[in-house]
């Protein structure tokens, strides 16, 4: 068992896929599989279960994952401490992204990281904003992007983008990209396909509906935004999403969006870091790269907020 094998194992476990981990680690997938298999043979344990959707951790794999994360964090801290005297980004950093943003910036993030920080290692994990916040607080993730964070203790929050929310529906007839605005009071007329209650957009629309005395018509509850958009395209209902989520879906030409007004609803994308970790050259440069990528996104209906 060596550090390289642990790093490979953690990347596969975090991303849930050998193919995704191979891209992030910039190695061939067969070589990655051999290294993880060698680790399993050395420990005489099955660590990962392969299935059609990727991989999942066994009980033994979960125990090793927790040890491995702690070990790699200590090694990264040691490297960062040594590199800090040279102001050089070295070590390993883990960035957490919501799935919608992850689909848009993972590739440019990896490209930029390889160019700007060739001596450092990057891991990317995806999860709902609530999960990313928990991972940063626990130390599993070093920094991440969150939608509408509730300013939990231990986190430093910086707003980056404000995106308006739209009623999304299947396009029909002569479609225009943006249709007539919809007052929030009329939202109850439409059957909605919504994410789970932990999702920030679900919480936002339910809070505003409660304040307006409005009863929502929840037709279907689906955790995946991609699946929600598929259902909307198939005519199973409407969704409330950002324009960037529609653009990232690959189905924008099949959909029509109506801005919600009275009041307008918006989702704020923020950068989150731990307030307990000291800044290093690696975290500073990775943070700046992430901020630049987010602010360089085609925003469509999104408007950049004032720095704060």
C-alpha atoms as a PDB file:
ATOM      1  CA  UNK A   1       0.000   0.000   0.000  1.00  0.00           C
ATOM      2  CA  UNK A   2       1.415   3.404  -0.986  1.00  0.00           C
ATOM      3  CA  UNK A   3       0.248   7.002  -1.206  1.00  0.00           C
ATOM      4  CA  UNK A   4      -0.288   6.859  -4.959  1.00  0.00           C
ATOM      5  CA  UNK A   5      -2.648   3.887  -4.599  1.00  0.00           C
ATOM      6  CA  UNK A   6      -4.553   5.673  -1.835  1.00  0.00           C
ATOM      7  CA  UNK A   7      -4.884   8.796  -3.973  1.00  0.00           C
ATOM      8  CA  UNK A   8      -6.169   6.760  -6.911  1.00  0.00           C
ATOM      9  CA  UNK A   9      -8.611   4.875  -4.686  1.00  0.00           C
ATOM     10  CA  UNK A  10      -9.962   8.092  -3.120  1.00  0.00           C
ATOM     11  CA  UNK A  11     -10.442   9.719  -6.534  1.00  0.00           C
ATOM     12  CA  UNK A  12     -12.415   6.737  -7.855  1.00  0.00           C
ATOM     13  CA  UNK A  13     -14.527   6.631  -4.690  1.00  0.00           C
ATOM     14  CA  UNK A  14     -15.233  10.378  -4.713  1.00  0.00           C
ATOM     15  CA  UNK A  15     -16.164  10.481  -8.397  1.00  0.00           C
ATOM     16  CA  UNK A  16     -17.953   7.118  -8.390  1.00  0.00           C
ATOM     17  CA  UNK A  17     -16.350   6.129 -11.664  1.00  0.00           C
ATOM     18  CA  UNK A  18     -13.026   4.800 -12.962  1.00  0.00           C
ATOM     19  CA  UNK A  19     -13.429   6.705 -16.236  1.00  0.00           C
ATOM     20  CA  UNK A  20     -14.035  10.070 -14.527  1.00  0.00           C
ATOM     21  CA  UNK A  21     -11.154   9.489 -12.120  1.00  0.00           C
ATOM     22  CA  UNK A  22      -8.833   8.596 -15.003  1.00  0.00           C
ATOM     23  CA  UNK A  23      -9.602  11.954 -16.649  1.00  0.00           C
ATOM     24  CA  UNK A  24      -9.025  13.912 -13.434  1.00  0.00           C
ATOM     25  CA  UNK A  25      -5.820  12.023 -12.617  1.00  0.00           C
ATOM     26  CA  UNK A  26      -4.652  12.155 -16.245  1.00  0.00           C
ATOM     27  CA  UNK A  27      -3.801   8.455 -16.438  1.00  0.00           C
ATOM     28  CA  UNK A  28      -5.059   5.570 -18.557  1.00  0.00           C
ATOM     29  CA  UNK A  29      -8.102   3.815 -17.127  1.00  0.00           C
ATOM     30  CA  UNK A  30      -6.550   0.300 -17.297  1.00  0.00           C
ATOM     31  CA  UNK A  31      -3.533   1.529 -15.315  1.00  0.00           C
ATOM     32  CA  UNK A  32      -5.841   3.085 -12.729  1.00  0.00           C
ATOM     33  CA  UNK A  33      -7.832  -0.147 -12.426  1.00  0.00           C
ATOM     34  CA  UNK A  34      -4.630  -2.140 -11.912  1.00  0.00           C
ATOM     35  CA  UNK A  35      -3.469   0.125  -9.106  1.00  0.00           C
ATOM     36  CA  UNK A  36      -6.788  -0.101  -7.250  1.00  0.00           C
ATOM     37  CA  UNK A  37      -6.884  -3.869  -7.771  1.00  0.00           C
ATOM     38  CA  UNK A  38      -3.346  -4.162  -6.401  1.00  0.00           C
ATOM     39  CA  UNK A  39      -4.520  -2.286  -3.300  1.00  0.00           C
ATOM     40  CA  UNK A  40      -7.425  -4.716  -2.880  1.00  0.00           C
ATOM     41  CA  UNK A  41      -5.071  -7.699  -3.210  1.00  0.00           C
ATOM     42  CA  UNK A  42      -2.607  -6.225  -0.720  1.00  0.00           C
ATOM     43  CA  UNK A  43      -5.363  -5.623   1.855  1.00  0.00           C
ATOM     44  CA  UNK A  44      -7.249  -8.842   0.996  1.00  0.00           C
ATOM     45  CA  UNK A  45     -10.483  -6.864   0.806  1.00  0.00           C
ATOM     46  CA  UNK A  46     -12.970  -5.901  -1.893  1.00  0.00           C
ATOM     47  CA  UNK A  47     -13.064  -2.107  -1.723  1.00  0.00           C
ATOM     48  CA  UNK A  48     -15.308  -1.175  -4.650  1.00  0.00           C
ATOM     49  CA  UNK A  49     -18.361  -2.775  -6.224  1.00  0.00           C
ATOM     50  CA  UNK A  50     -18.653  -2.215  -9.969  1.00  0.00           C
ATOM     51  CA  UNK A  51     -22.104  -1.696 -11.505  1.00  0.00           C
ATOM     52  CA  UNK A  52     -23.582  -0.252 -14.680  1.00  0.00           C
ATOM     53  CA  UNK A  53     -23.575   3.289 -13.265  1.00  0.00           C
ATOM     54  CA  UNK A  54     -20.050   3.274 -11.851  1.00  0.00           C
ATOM     55  CA  UNK A  55     -18.711   2.058  -8.507  1.00  0.00           C
ATOM     56  CA  UNK A  56     -19.810   2.094  -4.872  1.00  0.00           C
ATOM     57  CA  UNK A  57     -17.824   1.516  -1.701  1.00  0.00           C
ATOM     58  CA  UNK A  58     -18.073  -1.703   0.265  1.00  0.00           C
ATOM     59  CA  UNK A  59     -18.003  -1.525   4.067  1.00  0.00           C
ATOM     60  CA  UNK A  60     -14.261  -2.215   3.986  1.00  0.00           C
ATOM     61  CA  UNK A  61     -13.884   0.388   1.234  1.00  0.00           C
ATOM     62  CA  UNK A  62     -15.701   2.989   3.326  1.00  0.00           C
ATOM     63  CA  UNK A  63     -13.360   2.376   6.262  1.00  0.00           C
ATOM     64  CA  UNK A  64     -10.279   2.658   4.048  1.00  0.00           C
ATOM     65  CA  UNK A  65     -11.721   5.771   2.357  1.00  0.00           C
ATOM     66  CA  UNK A  66     -11.994   7.574   5.712  1.00  0.00           C
ATOM     67  CA  UNK A  67      -8.415   6.617   6.644  1.00  0.00           C
ATOM     68  CA  UNK A  68      -7.133   7.543   3.172  1.00  0.00           C
ATOM     69  CA  UNK A  69      -8.725  11.001   3.166  1.00  0.00           C
ATOM     70  CA  UNK A  70      -7.151  11.785   6.541  1.00  0.00           C
ATOM     71  CA  UNK A  71      -3.738  10.477   5.404  1.00  0.00           C
ATOM     72  CA  UNK A  72      -3.795  12.415   2.128  1.00  0.00           C
ATOM     73  CA  UNK A  73      -4.866  15.592   3.923  1.00  0.00           C
ATOM     74  CA  UNK A  74      -1.889  15.309   6.297  1.00  0.00           C
ATOM     75  CA  UNK A  75       0.493  14.699   3.397  1.00  0.00           C
ATOM     76  CA  UNK A  76      -0.993  17.664   1.503  1.00  0.00           C
ATOM     77  CA  UNK A  77      -0.602  19.898   4.546  1.00  0.00           C
ATOM     78  CA  UNK A  78       3.037  18.904   4.859  1.00  0.00           C
ATOM     79  CA  UNK A  79       3.700  19.633   1.192  1.00  0.00           C
ATOM     80  CA  UNK A  80       1.819  22.920   1.371  1.00  0.00           C
ATOM     81  CA  UNK A  81       3.802  23.934   4.430  1.00  0.00           C
ATOM     82  CA  UNK A  82       7.062  23.237   2.617  1.00  0.00           C
ATOM     83  CA  UNK A  83       5.863  24.979  -0.547  1.00  0.00           C
ATOM     84  CA  UNK A  84       4.580  28.011   1.363  1.00  0.00           C
ATOM     85  CA  UNK A  85       8.119  29.219   1.907  1.00  0.00           C
ATOM     86  CA  UNK A  86       8.537  29.341  -1.891  1.00  0.00           C
ATOM     87  CA  UNK A  87       4.993  30.657  -2.541  1.00  0.00           C
ATOM     88  CA  UNK A  88       4.521  27.639  -4.825  1.00  0.00           C
ATOM     89  CA  UNK A  89       1.196  25.774  -5.227  1.00  0.00           C
ATOM     90  CA  UNK A  90       1.926  22.170  -4.247  1.00  0.00           C
ATOM     91  CA  UNK A  91      -0.016  19.402  -2.509  1.00  0.00           C
ATOM     92  CA  UNK A  92      -3.570  18.163  -3.060  1.00  0.00           C
ATOM     93  CA  UNK A  93      -6.822  20.111  -3.056  1.00  0.00           C
ATOM     94  CA  UNK A  94     -10.426  18.933  -3.231  1.00  0.00           C
ATOM     95  CA  UNK A  95     -13.116  21.156  -4.739  1.00  0.00           C
ATOM     96  CA  UNK A  96     -16.848  20.539  -4.314  1.00  0.00           C
ATOM     97  CA  UNK A  97     -19.315  21.516  -7.045  1.00  0.00           C
ATOM     98  CA  UNK A  98     -23.090  21.348  -7.474  1.00  0.00           C
ATOM     99  CA  UNK A  99     -23.891  19.025 -10.424  1.00  0.00           C
ATOM    100  CA  UNK A 100     -25.284  21.760 -12.702  1.00  0.00           C
ATOM    101  CA  UNK A 101     -22.165  23.907 -12.366  1.00  0.00           C
ATOM    102  CA  UNK A 102     -19.954  20.831 -12.421  1.00  0.00           C
ATOM    103  CA  UNK A 103     -21.111  19.958 -15.927  1.00  0.00           C
ATOM    104  CA  UNK A 104     -20.094  23.417 -17.132  1.00  0.00           C
ATOM    105  CA  UNK A 105     -16.726  24.020 -15.481  1.00  0.00           C
ATOM    106  CA  UNK A 106     -15.124  20.642 -14.628  1.00  0.00           C
ATOM    107  CA  UNK A 107     -13.220  20.391 -17.923  1.00  0.00           C
ATOM    108  CA  UNK A 108     -11.942  24.008 -17.975  1.00  0.00           C
ATOM    109  CA  UNK A 109     -11.132  23.721 -14.260  1.00  0.00           C
ATOM    110  CA  UNK A 110      -8.942  20.671 -14.866  1.00  0.00           C
ATOM    111  CA  UNK A 111      -7.333  22.299 -17.925  1.00  0.00           C
ATOM    112  CA  UNK A 112      -6.544  25.485 -16.011  1.00  0.00           C
ATOM    113  CA  UNK A 113      -5.280  23.571 -12.997  1.00  0.00           C
ATOM    114  CA  UNK A 114      -2.858  21.514 -15.115  1.00  0.00           C
ATOM    115  CA  UNK A 115      -1.470  24.673 -16.735  1.00  0.00           C
ATOM    116  CA  UNK A 116      -1.212  26.839 -13.648  1.00  0.00           C
ATOM    117  CA  UNK A 117      -0.443  24.318 -10.888  1.00  0.00           C
ATOM    118  CA  UNK A 118       1.454  21.435 -12.491  1.00  0.00           C
ATOM    119  CA  UNK A 119       3.028  20.297  -9.203  1.00  0.00           C
ATOM    120  CA  UNK A 120      -0.323  20.049  -7.370  1.00  0.00           C
ATOM    121  CA  UNK A 121      -3.109  17.466  -7.455  1.00  0.00           C
ATOM    122  CA  UNK A 122      -6.801  18.195  -7.858  1.00  0.00           C
ATOM    123  CA  UNK A 123      -9.856  16.172  -6.832  1.00  0.00           C
ATOM    124  CA  UNK A 124     -13.406  17.239  -7.758  1.00  0.00           C
ATOM    125  CA  UNK A 125     -16.517  15.961  -6.006  1.00  0.00           C
ATOM    126  CA  UNK A 126     -20.132  16.744  -6.867  1.00  0.00           C
ATOM    127  CA  UNK A 127     -23.053  17.061  -4.490  1.00  0.00           C
ATOM    128  CA  UNK A 128     -25.972  19.221  -3.449  1.00  0.00           C
ATOM    129  CA  UNK A 129     -25.004  22.530  -1.874  1.00  0.00           C
ATOM    130  CA  UNK A 130     -25.942  21.237   1.585  1.00  0.00           C
ATOM    131  CA  UNK A 131     -23.589  18.287   1.121  1.00  0.00           C
ATOM    132  CA  UNK A 132     -20.736  20.451  -0.174  1.00  0.00           C
ATOM    133  CA  UNK A 133     -21.105  22.731   2.867  1.00  0.00           C
ATOM    134  CA  UNK A 134     -20.923  19.720   5.203  1.00  0.00           C
ATOM    135  CA  UNK A 135     -17.836  18.388   3.403  1.00  0.00           C
ATOM    136  CA  UNK A 136     -16.031  21.726   3.728  1.00  0.00           C
ATOM    137  CA  UNK A 137     -16.916  21.924   7.428  1.00  0.00           C
ATOM    138  CA  UNK A 138     -15.690  18.361   8.048  1.00  0.00           C
ATOM    139  CA  UNK A 139     -12.460  18.948   6.115  1.00  0.00           C
ATOM    140  CA  UNK A 140     -13.172  16.457   3.324  1.00  0.00           C
ATOM    141  CA  UNK A 141     -13.401  19.332   0.807  1.00  0.00           C
ATOM    142  CA  UNK A 142     -11.152  22.399   0.807  1.00  0.00           C
ATOM    143  CA  UNK A 143     -13.377  24.828  -1.075  1.00  0.00           C
ATOM    144  CA  UNK A 144     -16.524  24.700  -3.148  1.00  0.00           C
ATOM    145  CA  UNK A 145     -19.468  26.397  -4.785  1.00  0.00           C
ATOM    146  CA  UNK A 146     -22.835  26.601  -3.040  1.00  0.00           C
ATOM    147  CA  UNK A 147     -26.244  27.920  -3.995  1.00  0.00           C
ATOM    148  CA  UNK A 148     -28.026  30.104  -1.436  1.00  0.00           C
ATOM    149  CA  UNK A 149     -25.946  29.034   1.595  1.00  0.00           C
ATOM    150  CA  UNK A 150     -27.393  29.717   5.027  1.00  0.00           C
ATOM    151  CA  UNK A 151     -24.061  31.025   6.400  1.00  0.00           C
ATOM    152  CA  UNK A 152     -23.237  27.946   8.493  1.00  0.00           C
ATOM    153  CA  UNK A 153     -20.592  28.418  11.196  1.00  0.00           C
ATOM    154  CA  UNK A 154     -17.079  27.628  10.114  1.00  0.00           C
ATOM    155  CA  UNK A 155     -17.528  28.768   6.517  1.00  0.00           C
ATOM    156  CA  UNK A 156     -16.497  31.946   4.743  1.00  0.00           C
ATOM    157  CA  UNK A 157     -18.966  32.828   1.984  1.00  0.00           C
ATOM    158  CA  UNK A 158     -18.415  35.080  -1.042  1.00  0.00           C
ATOM    159  CA  UNK A 159     -21.272  35.694  -3.540  1.00  0.00           C
ATOM    160  CA  UNK A 160     -20.216  35.280  -7.170  1.00  0.00           C
ATOM    161  CA  UNK A 161     -23.333  35.173  -9.369  1.00  0.00           C
ATOM    162  CA  UNK A 162     -27.026  35.869  -9.023  1.00  0.00           C
ATOM    163  CA  UNK A 163     -29.244  33.881 -11.381  1.00  0.00           C
ATOM    164  CA  UNK A 164     -32.953  34.452 -11.864  1.00  0.00           C
ATOM    165  CA  UNK A 165     -35.349  31.524 -11.648  1.00  0.00           C
ATOM    166  CA  UNK A 166     -37.679  30.624 -14.509  1.00  0.00           C
ATOM    167  CA  UNK A 167     -40.700  28.449 -15.070  1.00  0.00           C
ATOM    168  CA  UNK A 168     -39.418  25.887 -17.571  1.00  0.00           C
ATOM    169  CA  UNK A 169     -41.848  24.133 -19.898  1.00  0.00           C
ATOM    170  CA  UNK A 170     -41.764  22.051 -23.061  1.00  0.00           C
ATOM    171  CA  UNK A 171     -41.661  24.283 -26.136  1.00  0.00           C
ATOM    172  CA  UNK A 172     -44.510  24.110 -28.604  1.00  0.00           C
ATOM    173  CA  UNK A 173     -45.420  25.922 -31.823  1.00  0.00           C
ATOM    174  CA  UNK A 174     -43.542  29.122 -32.578  1.00  0.00           C
ATOM    175  CA  UNK A 175     -41.208  29.116 -29.602  1.00  0.00           C
ATOM    176  CA  UNK A 176     -39.278  32.049 -28.238  1.00  0.00           C
ATOM    177  CA  UNK A 177     -36.342  31.549 -25.882  1.00  0.00           C
ATOM    178  CA  UNK A 178     -38.043  33.593 -23.161  1.00  0.00           C
ATOM    179  CA  UNK A 179     -41.820  33.860 -22.927  1.00  0.00           C
ATOM    180  CA  UNK A 180     -44.022  36.257 -21.006  1.00  0.00           C
ATOM    181  CA  UNK A 181     -43.143  36.709 -17.338  1.00  0.00           C
ATOM    182  CA  UNK A 182     -45.190  34.755 -14.790  1.00  0.00           C
ATOM    183  CA  UNK A 183     -46.275  36.274 -11.463  1.00  0.00           C
ATOM    184  CA  UNK A 184     -45.481  33.963  -8.561  1.00  0.00           C
ATOM    185  CA  UNK A 185     -49.167  33.956  -7.559  1.00  0.00           C
ATOM    186  CA  UNK A 186     -49.932  31.995 -10.741  1.00  0.00           C
ATOM    187  CA  UNK A 187     -47.311  29.292 -10.156  1.00  0.00           C
ATOM    188  CA  UNK A 188     -49.850  27.052  -8.409  1.00  0.00           C
ATOM    189  CA  UNK A 189     -51.648  26.516 -11.732  1.00  0.00           C
ATOM    190  CA  UNK A 190     -48.795  24.446 -13.104  1.00  0.00           C
ATOM    191  CA  UNK A 191     -47.923  20.845 -12.202  1.00  0.00           C
ATOM    192  CA  UNK A 192     -44.292  20.940 -11.089  1.00  0.00           C
ATOM    193  CA  UNK A 193     -41.443  18.454 -11.296  1.00  0.00           C
ATOM    194  CA  UNK A 194     -39.212  19.410  -8.371  1.00  0.00           C
ATOM    195  CA  UNK A 195     -36.012  18.156  -6.722  1.00  0.00           C
ATOM    196  CA  UNK A 196     -35.861  16.716  -3.222  1.00  0.00           C
ATOM    197  CA  UNK A 197     -36.500  18.958  -0.218  1.00  0.00           C
ATOM    198  CA  UNK A 198     -32.792  19.330   0.543  1.00  0.00           C
ATOM    199  CA  UNK A 199     -32.247  21.052  -2.815  1.00  0.00           C
ATOM    200  CA  UNK A 200     -31.798  24.831  -2.539  1.00  0.00           C
ATOM    201  CA  UNK A 201     -34.208  25.674  -5.367  1.00  0.00           C
ATOM    202  CA  UNK A 202     -36.925  23.509  -3.790  1.00  0.00           C
ATOM    203  CA  UNK A 203     -36.445  25.279  -0.463  1.00  0.00           C
ATOM    204  CA  UNK A 204     -36.468  28.689  -2.128  1.00  0.00           C
ATOM    205  CA  UNK A 205     -39.708  28.255  -4.077  1.00  0.00           C
ATOM    206  CA  UNK A 206     -41.474  26.596  -1.128  1.00  0.00           C
ATOM    207  CA  UNK A 207     -40.431  29.435   1.200  1.00  0.00           C
ATOM    208  CA  UNK A 208     -41.667  32.100  -1.237  1.00  0.00           C
ATOM    209  CA  UNK A 209     -44.882  30.173  -1.882  1.00  0.00           C
ATOM    210  CA  UNK A 210     -45.553  29.970   1.866  1.00  0.00           C
ATOM    211  CA  UNK A 211     -44.946  33.706   2.283  1.00  0.00           C
ATOM    212  CA  UNK A 212     -47.378  34.369  -0.581  1.00  0.00           C
ATOM    213  CA  UNK A 213     -50.000  31.968   0.797  1.00  0.00           C
ATOM    214  CA  UNK A 214     -49.654  29.872  -2.362  1.00  0.00           C
ATOM    215  CA  UNK A 215     -50.168  26.106  -2.566  1.00  0.00           C
ATOM    216  CA  UNK A 216     -47.808  24.484  -5.052  1.00  0.00           C
ATOM    217  CA  UNK A 217     -48.921  21.654  -7.331  1.00  0.00           C
ATOM    218  CA  UNK A 218     -46.103  19.105  -6.867  1.00  0.00           C
ATOM    219  CA  UNK A 219     -46.650  16.462  -9.535  1.00  0.00           C
ATOM    220  CA  UNK A 220     -43.320  14.614  -9.349  1.00  0.00           C
ATOM    221  CA  UNK A 221     -40.300  14.690  -7.035  1.00  0.00           C
ATOM    222  CA  UNK A 222     -37.018  13.735  -8.712  1.00  0.00           C
ATOM    223  CA  UNK A 223     -33.534  14.283  -7.280  1.00  0.00           C
ATOM    224  CA  UNK A 224     -31.671  14.706 -10.580  1.00  0.00           C
ATOM    225  CA  UNK A 225     -31.916  18.015 -12.438  1.00  0.00           C
ATOM    226  CA  UNK A 226     -31.097  16.196 -15.684  1.00  0.00           C
ATOM    227  CA  UNK A 227     -34.007  13.809 -15.083  1.00  0.00           C
ATOM    228  CA  UNK A 228     -36.297  16.738 -14.236  1.00  0.00           C
ATOM    229  CA  UNK A 229     -35.513  18.362 -17.579  1.00  0.00           C
ATOM    230  CA  UNK A 230     -36.120  15.048 -19.381  1.00  0.00           C
ATOM    231  CA  UNK A 231     -39.552  14.813 -17.730  1.00  0.00           C
ATOM    232  CA  UNK A 232     -40.391  18.402 -18.677  1.00  0.00           C
ATOM    233  CA  UNK A 233     -39.394  17.738 -22.294  1.00  0.00           C
ATOM    234  CA  UNK A 234     -41.640  14.658 -22.246  1.00  0.00           C
ATOM    235  CA  UNK A 235     -44.618  16.718 -21.045  1.00  0.00           C
ATOM    236  CA  UNK A 236     -44.859  15.406 -17.470  1.00  0.00           C
ATOM    237  CA  UNK A 237     -44.916  18.866 -15.932  1.00  0.00           C
ATOM    238  CA  UNK A 238     -43.039  22.124 -15.467  1.00  0.00           C
ATOM    239  CA  UNK A 239     -39.887  22.981 -13.517  1.00  0.00           C
ATOM    240  CA  UNK A 240     -38.441  26.006 -11.756  1.00  0.00           C
ATOM    241  CA  UNK A 241     -34.764  26.302 -12.687  1.00  0.00           C
ATOM    242  CA  UNK A 242     -32.041  28.762 -13.630  1.00  0.00           C
ATOM    243  CA  UNK A 243     -31.258  29.600 -17.249  1.00  0.00           C
ATOM    244  CA  UNK A 244     -27.784  28.067 -16.837  1.00  0.00           C
ATOM    245  CA  UNK A 245     -29.316  24.741 -15.785  1.00  0.00           C
ATOM    246  CA  UNK A 246     -31.409  24.753 -18.952  1.00  0.00           C
ATOM    247  CA  UNK A 247     -28.405  25.680 -21.084  1.00  0.00           C
ATOM    248  CA  UNK A 248     -26.241  22.959 -19.510  1.00  0.00           C
ATOM    249  CA  UNK A 249     -28.896  20.289 -20.094  1.00  0.00           C
ATOM    250  CA  UNK A 250     -28.402  20.108 -23.850  1.00  0.00           C
ATOM    251  CA  UNK A 251     -32.191  20.406 -24.339  1.00  0.00           C
ATOM    252  CA  UNK A 252     -32.510  24.198 -24.508  1.00  0.00           C
ATOM    253  CA  UNK A 253     -34.024  24.047 -27.993  1.00  0.00           C
ATOM    254  CA  UNK A 254     -36.855  21.849 -26.661  1.00  0.00           C
ATOM    255  CA  UNK A 255     -37.777  24.174 -23.798  1.00  0.00           C
ATOM    256  CA  UNK A 256     -39.355  27.545 -23.177  1.00  0.00           C
ATOM    257  CA  UNK A 257     -38.625  29.630 -20.079  1.00  0.00           C
ATOM    258  CA  UNK A 258     -40.718  32.268 -18.311  1.00  0.00           C
ATOM    259  CA  UNK A 259     -39.136  34.555 -15.701  1.00  0.00           C
ATOM    260  CA  UNK A 260     -40.888  34.505 -12.335  1.00  0.00           C
ATOM    261  CA  UNK A 261     -41.873  37.942 -11.029  1.00  0.00           C
ATOM    262  CA  UNK A 262     -43.806  39.620  -8.219  1.00  0.00           C
ATOM    263  CA  UNK A 263     -41.465  38.914  -6.550  1.00  0.00           C
ATOM    264  CA  UNK A 264     -38.637  37.890  -8.888  1.00  0.00           C
ATOM    265  CA  UNK A 265     -36.875  34.802  -7.578  1.00  0.00           C
ATOM    266  CA  UNK A 266     -33.108  34.416  -7.774  1.00  0.00           C
ATOM    267  CA  UNK A 267     -30.515  31.824  -6.810  1.00  0.00           C
ATOM    268  CA  UNK A 268     -27.118  33.108  -5.627  1.00  0.00           C
ATOM    269  CA  UNK A 269     -24.000  31.072  -6.374  1.00  0.00           C
ATOM    270  CA  UNK A 270     -21.320  31.548  -3.722  1.00  0.00           C
ATOM    271  CA  UNK A 271     -17.747  30.494  -3.084  1.00  0.00           C
ATOM    272  CA  UNK A 272     -17.294  28.744   0.264  1.00  0.00           C
ATOM    273  CA  UNK A 273     -14.080  28.030   2.151  1.00  0.00           C
ATOM    274  CA  UNK A 274     -13.295  26.907   5.675  1.00  0.00           C
ATOM    275  CA  UNK A 275     -12.696  29.716   8.125  1.00  0.00           C
ATOM    276  CA  UNK A 276     -10.489  27.399  10.191  1.00  0.00           C
ATOM    277  CA  UNK A 277      -7.909  26.482   7.532  1.00  0.00           C
ATOM    278  CA  UNK A 278      -5.018  28.797   6.887  1.00  0.00           C
ATOM    279  CA  UNK A 279      -4.547  30.009   3.346  1.00  0.00           C
ATOM    280  CA  UNK A 280      -1.806  28.422   1.227  1.00  0.00           C
ATOM    281  CA  UNK A 281      -0.441  29.215  -2.243  1.00  0.00           C
ATOM    282  CA  UNK A 282      -2.425  26.242  -3.574  1.00  0.00           C
ATOM    283  CA  UNK A 283      -5.761  27.288  -2.063  1.00  0.00           C
ATOM    284  CA  UNK A 284      -5.268  30.907  -3.133  1.00  0.00           C
ATOM    285  CA  UNK A 285      -4.457  30.051  -6.737  1.00  0.00           C
ATOM    286  CA  UNK A 286      -7.152  27.366  -7.002  1.00  0.00           C
ATOM    287  CA  UNK A 287      -9.707  29.783  -5.537  1.00  0.00           C
ATOM    288  CA  UNK A 288      -8.812  32.466  -8.060  1.00  0.00           C
ATOM    289  CA  UNK A 289      -9.059  29.973 -10.930  1.00  0.00           C
ATOM    290  CA  UNK A 290     -12.494  28.846  -9.755  1.00  0.00           C
ATOM    291  CA  UNK A 291     -13.740  32.420  -9.374  1.00  0.00           C
ATOM    292  CA  UNK A 292     -12.460  33.379 -12.842  1.00  0.00           C
ATOM    293  CA  UNK A 293     -14.186  30.379 -14.442  1.00  0.00           C
ATOM    294  CA  UNK A 294     -17.512  31.096 -12.756  1.00  0.00           C
ATOM    295  CA  UNK A 295     -17.449  34.772 -13.670  1.00  0.00           C
ATOM    296  CA  UNK A 296     -16.509  33.855 -17.232  1.00  0.00           C
ATOM    297  CA  UNK A 297     -19.513  31.586 -17.745  1.00  0.00           C
ATOM    298  CA  UNK A 298     -22.086  32.591 -20.379  1.00  0.00           C
ATOM    299  CA  UNK A 299     -24.574  34.001 -17.921  1.00  0.00           C
ATOM    300  CA  UNK A 300     -27.615  34.450 -20.111  1.00  0.00           C
ATOM    301  CA  UNK A 301     -30.179  35.752 -17.661  1.00  0.00           C
ATOM    302  CA  UNK A 302     -27.756  35.663 -14.770  1.00  0.00           C
ATOM    303  CA  UNK A 303     -26.307  38.941 -13.555  1.00  0.00           C
ATOM    304  CA  UNK A 304     -23.024  39.177 -11.739  1.00  0.00           C
ATOM    305  CA  UNK A 305     -23.453  40.385  -8.184  1.00  0.00           C
ATOM    306  CA  UNK A 306     -21.290  43.031  -6.633  1.00  0.00           C
ATOM    307  CA  UNK A 307     -18.200  41.615  -4.943  1.00  0.00           C
ATOM    308  CA  UNK A 308     -18.580  41.307  -1.214  1.00  0.00           C
END
